[in-house]
Amino acid sequence: MLEYRYDTQLLIEGIGLDEDAVHDYITSHFAGDSLLAVGDENLIKIHFHTNEPWKVLEYAASLGEIYDIVVEDMDRQSRRLQG
């Protein structure tokens, strides 16, 4: 079994976003790995492996509009299961 089950990806659209601040907040508040937080003041893409994707989504939604949300169960993928 994987340490972090869910591959969580999304875009945050907002005003005055700071990719470094988003990165630092996620790493200090949520357990996970493989974090990417890249973008600019108006759009940031997040990629993060975690067991609690809903917490990441809640945080991201507090920063702006979130969309293109993908949460994939990597444990199911590793067992070659669909969904």
N, C-alpha and C. Protein backbone atom coordinates (compact mmCIF):
# COMPACT_ATOMS: atom_id res chain seq x y z
N MET A 1 0.85 -1.19 0.00
CA MET A 1 0.00 0.00 0.00
C MET A 1 0.89 1.25 0.00
N LEU A 2 0.42 2.25 -0.67
CA LEU A 2 1.16 3.51 -0.80
C LEU A 2 1.05 4.34 0.48
N GLU A 3 2.10 5.10 0.78
CA GLU A 3 2.05 5.98 1.94
C GLU A 3 1.01 7.09 1.75
N TYR A 4 0.98 7.66 0.55
CA TYR A 4 0.00 8.71 0.24
C TYR A 4 -0.82 8.24 -0.95
N ARG A 5 -2.10 8.08 -0.74
CA ARG A 5 -2.97 7.37 -1.67
C ARG A 5 -3.48 8.22 -2.84
N TYR A 6 -3.74 9.49 -2.62
CA TYR A 6 -4.44 10.30 -3.62
C TYR A 6 -3.52 11.30 -4.33
N ASP A 7 -3.53 11.23 -5.63
CA ASP A 7 -2.85 12.20 -6.48
C ASP A 7 -3.86 13.33 -6.70
N THR A 8 -3.57 14.49 -6.13
CA THR A 8 -4.49 15.62 -6.14
C THR A 8 -3.93 16.71 -7.03
N GLN A 9 -4.73 17.12 -8.03
CA GLN A 9 -4.30 18.16 -8.96
C GLN A 9 -5.43 19.16 -9.15
N LEU A 10 -5.07 20.42 -9.26
CA LEU A 10 -6.08 21.46 -9.47
C LEU A 10 -5.41 22.75 -9.89
N LEU A 11 -6.23 23.66 -10.37
CA LEU A 11 -5.81 25.02 -10.68
C LEU A 11 -6.52 25.97 -9.73
N ILE A 12 -5.79 26.99 -9.29
CA ILE A 12 -6.36 28.07 -8.48
C ILE A 12 -6.25 29.35 -9.30
N GLU A 13 -7.37 30.00 -9.52
CA GLU A 13 -7.37 31.29 -10.20
C GLU A 13 -7.75 32.36 -9.18
N GLY A 14 -6.95 33.41 -9.11
CA GLY A 14 -7.22 34.47 -8.15
C GLY A 14 -6.42 35.71 -8.45
N ILE A 15 -6.32 36.56 -7.47
CA ILE A 15 -5.60 37.82 -7.60
C ILE A 15 -4.54 37.86 -6.50
N GLY A 16 -3.31 38.19 -6.88
CA GLY A 16 -2.23 38.32 -5.91
C GLY A 16 -1.79 36.99 -5.30
N LEU A 17 -1.91 35.92 -6.06
CA LEU A 17 -1.47 34.61 -5.56
C LEU A 17 0.06 34.57 -5.46
N ASP A 18 0.56 33.78 -4.54
CA ASP A 18 2.00 33.66 -4.31
C ASP A 18 2.34 32.18 -4.25
N GLU A 19 2.97 31.66 -5.30
CA GLU A 19 3.25 30.22 -5.37
C GLU A 19 4.13 29.76 -4.22
N ASP A 20 5.09 30.57 -3.78
CA ASP A 20 5.95 30.18 -2.67
C ASP A 20 5.15 30.07 -1.37
N ALA A 21 4.25 31.01 -1.14
CA ALA A 21 3.43 30.98 0.07
C ALA A 21 2.49 29.78 0.05
N VAL A 22 1.92 29.46 -1.11
CA VAL A 22 1.04 28.29 -1.24
C VAL A 22 1.85 27.02 -0.96
N HIS A 23 3.01 26.92 -1.57
CA HIS A 23 3.88 25.76 -1.36
C HIS A 23 4.22 25.59 0.12
N ASP A 24 4.63 26.67 0.76
CA ASP A 24 5.02 26.61 2.16
C ASP A 24 3.85 26.24 3.06
N TYR A 25 2.67 26.77 2.78
CA TYR A 25 1.49 26.45 3.59
C TYR A 25 1.14 24.98 3.47
N ILE A 26 1.13 24.46 2.25
CA ILE A 26 0.77 23.05 2.05
C ILE A 26 1.77 22.14 2.75
N THR A 27 3.06 22.40 2.59
CA THR A 27 4.05 21.52 3.21
C THR A 27 4.03 21.59 4.74
N SER A 28 3.63 22.72 5.29
CA SER A 28 3.62 22.83 6.75
C SER A 28 2.30 22.41 7.39
N HIS A 29 1.22 22.29 6.60
CA HIS A 29 -0.08 21.97 7.18
C HIS A 29 -0.66 20.62 6.77
N PHE A 30 -0.14 20.01 5.70
CA PHE A 30 -0.73 18.76 5.20
C PHE A 30 0.36 17.71 4.99
N ALA A 31 0.08 16.49 5.41
CA ALA A 31 1.00 15.37 5.17
C ALA A 31 0.89 14.96 3.70
N GLY A 32 2.04 14.75 3.07
CA GLY A 32 2.04 14.33 1.68
C GLY A 32 3.42 14.45 1.07
N ASP A 33 3.49 14.21 -0.24
CA ASP A 33 4.75 14.35 -0.95
C ASP A 33 4.51 14.72 -2.41
N SER A 34 5.59 14.89 -3.14
CA SER A 34 5.55 15.21 -4.58
C SER A 34 4.81 16.52 -4.87
N LEU A 35 4.96 17.51 -4.01
CA LEU A 35 4.26 18.77 -4.20
C LEU A 35 4.88 19.61 -5.30
N LEU A 36 4.02 20.08 -6.19
CA LEU A 36 4.35 21.12 -7.16
C LEU A 36 3.32 22.23 -6.99
N ALA A 37 3.78 23.44 -6.83
CA ALA A 37 2.91 24.62 -6.78
C ALA A 37 3.58 25.65 -7.68
N VAL A 38 3.08 25.74 -8.91
CA VAL A 38 3.72 26.61 -9.89
C VAL A 38 2.69 27.52 -10.54
N GLY A 39 3.13 28.73 -10.86
CA GLY A 39 2.24 29.65 -11.54
C GLY A 39 2.68 31.08 -11.34
N ASP A 40 1.68 31.96 -11.32
CA ASP A 40 1.95 33.38 -11.17
C ASP A 40 0.91 34.00 -10.26
N GLU A 41 0.77 35.32 -10.29
CA GLU A 41 -0.14 36.03 -9.39
C GLU A 41 -1.61 35.71 -9.65
N ASN A 42 -1.92 35.18 -10.84
CA ASN A 42 -3.32 34.95 -11.19
C ASN A 42 -3.72 33.49 -11.33
N LEU A 43 -2.74 32.60 -11.46
CA LEU A 43 -3.06 31.19 -11.69
C LEU A 43 -1.94 30.31 -11.13
N ILE A 44 -2.31 29.35 -10.29
CA ILE A 44 -1.35 28.40 -9.73
C ILE A 44 -1.86 26.99 -9.96
N LYS A 45 -0.98 26.12 -10.41
CA LYS A 45 -1.29 24.70 -10.54
C LYS A 45 -0.71 23.99 -9.33
N ILE A 46 -1.54 23.12 -8.74
CA ILE A 46 -1.13 22.32 -7.59
C ILE A 46 -1.13 20.85 -8.01
N HIS A 47 -0.09 20.15 -7.62
CA HIS A 47 -0.01 18.70 -7.75
C HIS A 47 0.55 18.20 -6.43
N PHE A 48 -0.18 17.27 -5.76
CA PHE A 48 0.23 16.84 -4.42
C PHE A 48 -0.31 15.45 -4.15
N HIS A 49 0.52 14.59 -3.56
CA HIS A 49 0.10 13.27 -3.12
C HIS A 49 -0.21 13.35 -1.63
N THR A 50 -1.42 12.96 -1.25
CA THR A 50 -1.86 13.08 0.14
C THR A 50 -2.94 12.04 0.43
N ASN A 51 -3.24 11.84 1.69
CA ASN A 51 -4.35 10.97 2.08
C ASN A 51 -5.62 11.76 2.37
N GLU A 52 -5.51 13.09 2.36
CA GLU A 52 -6.65 13.94 2.68
C GLU A 52 -6.81 15.06 1.64
N PRO A 53 -7.16 14.70 0.42
CA PRO A 53 -7.24 15.71 -0.64
C PRO A 53 -8.27 16.80 -0.36
N TRP A 54 -9.32 16.48 0.38
CA TRP A 54 -10.35 17.47 0.67
C TRP A 54 -9.80 18.65 1.45
N LYS A 55 -8.78 18.43 2.28
CA LYS A 55 -8.18 19.54 3.02
C LYS A 55 -7.41 20.47 2.09
N VAL A 56 -6.73 19.90 1.11
CA VAL A 56 -6.01 20.71 0.13
C VAL A 56 -7.01 21.52 -0.69
N LEU A 57 -8.11 20.89 -1.10
CA LEU A 57 -9.13 21.59 -1.88
C LEU A 57 -9.75 22.72 -1.07
N GLU A 58 -10.02 22.47 0.19
CA GLU A 58 -10.60 23.51 1.05
C GLU A 58 -9.66 24.71 1.16
N TYR A 59 -8.38 24.44 1.39
CA TYR A 59 -7.40 25.53 1.47
C TYR A 59 -7.33 26.29 0.14
N ALA A 60 -7.22 25.57 -0.96
CA ALA A 60 -7.11 26.21 -2.27
C ALA A 60 -8.33 27.07 -2.56
N ALA A 61 -9.51 26.59 -2.18
CA ALA A 61 -10.74 27.36 -2.42
C ALA A 61 -10.76 28.65 -1.61
N SER A 62 -10.02 28.70 -0.52
CA SER A 62 -9.95 29.93 0.27
C SER A 62 -9.11 31.00 -0.41
N LEU A 63 -8.33 30.60 -1.43
CA LEU A 63 -7.44 31.53 -2.14
C LEU A 63 -8.04 32.10 -3.41
N GLY A 64 -9.03 31.40 -3.96
CA GLY A 64 -9.61 31.83 -5.23
C GLY A 64 -10.51 30.75 -5.78
N GLU A 65 -10.80 30.86 -7.05
CA GLU A 65 -11.65 29.87 -7.72
C GLU A 65 -10.80 28.65 -8.07
N ILE A 66 -11.31 27.46 -7.74
CA ILE A 66 -10.59 26.24 -8.09
C ILE A 66 -11.33 25.52 -9.21
N TYR A 67 -10.56 24.91 -10.12
CA TYR A 67 -11.15 24.17 -11.22
C TYR A 67 -10.14 23.19 -11.78
N ASP A 68 -10.56 22.43 -12.78
CA ASP A 68 -9.76 21.33 -13.34
C ASP A 68 -9.24 20.44 -12.21
N ILE A 69 -10.15 20.07 -11.32
CA ILE A 69 -9.82 19.27 -10.15
C ILE A 69 -9.78 17.80 -10.53
N VAL A 70 -8.68 17.15 -10.19
CA VAL A 70 -8.51 15.72 -10.41
C VAL A 70 -7.98 15.11 -9.12
N VAL A 71 -8.70 14.10 -8.62
CA VAL A 71 -8.23 13.34 -7.47
C VAL A 71 -8.26 11.88 -7.89
N GLU A 72 -7.07 11.29 -8.01
CA GLU A 72 -6.95 9.91 -8.45
C GLU A 72 -6.44 9.04 -7.32
N ASP A 73 -7.06 7.88 -7.18
CA ASP A 73 -6.67 6.91 -6.17
C ASP A 73 -5.51 6.07 -6.72
N MET A 74 -4.31 6.39 -6.30
CA MET A 74 -3.12 5.71 -6.83
C MET A 74 -3.03 4.26 -6.34
N ASP A 75 -3.66 3.95 -5.21
CA ASP A 75 -3.68 2.57 -4.74
C ASP A 75 -4.48 1.70 -5.71
N ARG A 76 -5.63 2.20 -6.12
CA ARG A 76 -6.44 1.45 -7.10
C ARG A 76 -5.68 1.32 -8.42
N GLN A 77 -5.00 2.37 -8.84
CA GLN A 77 -4.23 2.33 -10.07
C GLN A 77 -3.13 1.27 -9.99
N SER A 78 -2.46 1.20 -8.84
CA SER A 78 -1.37 0.24 -8.69
C SER A 78 -1.87 -1.20 -8.74
N ARG A 79 -3.16 -1.39 -8.38
CA ARG A 79 -3.75 -2.72 -8.45
C ARG A 79 -4.47 -2.94 -9.77
N ARG A 80 -4.27 -2.00 -10.71
CA ARG A 80 -4.86 -2.05 -12.04
C ARG A 80 -6.39 -2.08 -12.03
N LEU A 81 -6.97 -1.35 -11.08
CA LEU A 81 -8.42 -1.24 -10.99
C LEU A 81 -8.86 0.08 -11.60
N GLN A 82 -10.07 0.15 -12.07
CA GLN A 82 -10.60 1.38 -12.66
C GLN A 82 -11.24 2.23 -11.58
N GLY A 83 -11.28 3.55 -11.82
CA GLY A 83 -11.99 4.45 -10.93
C GLY A 83 -11.13 5.10 -9.89
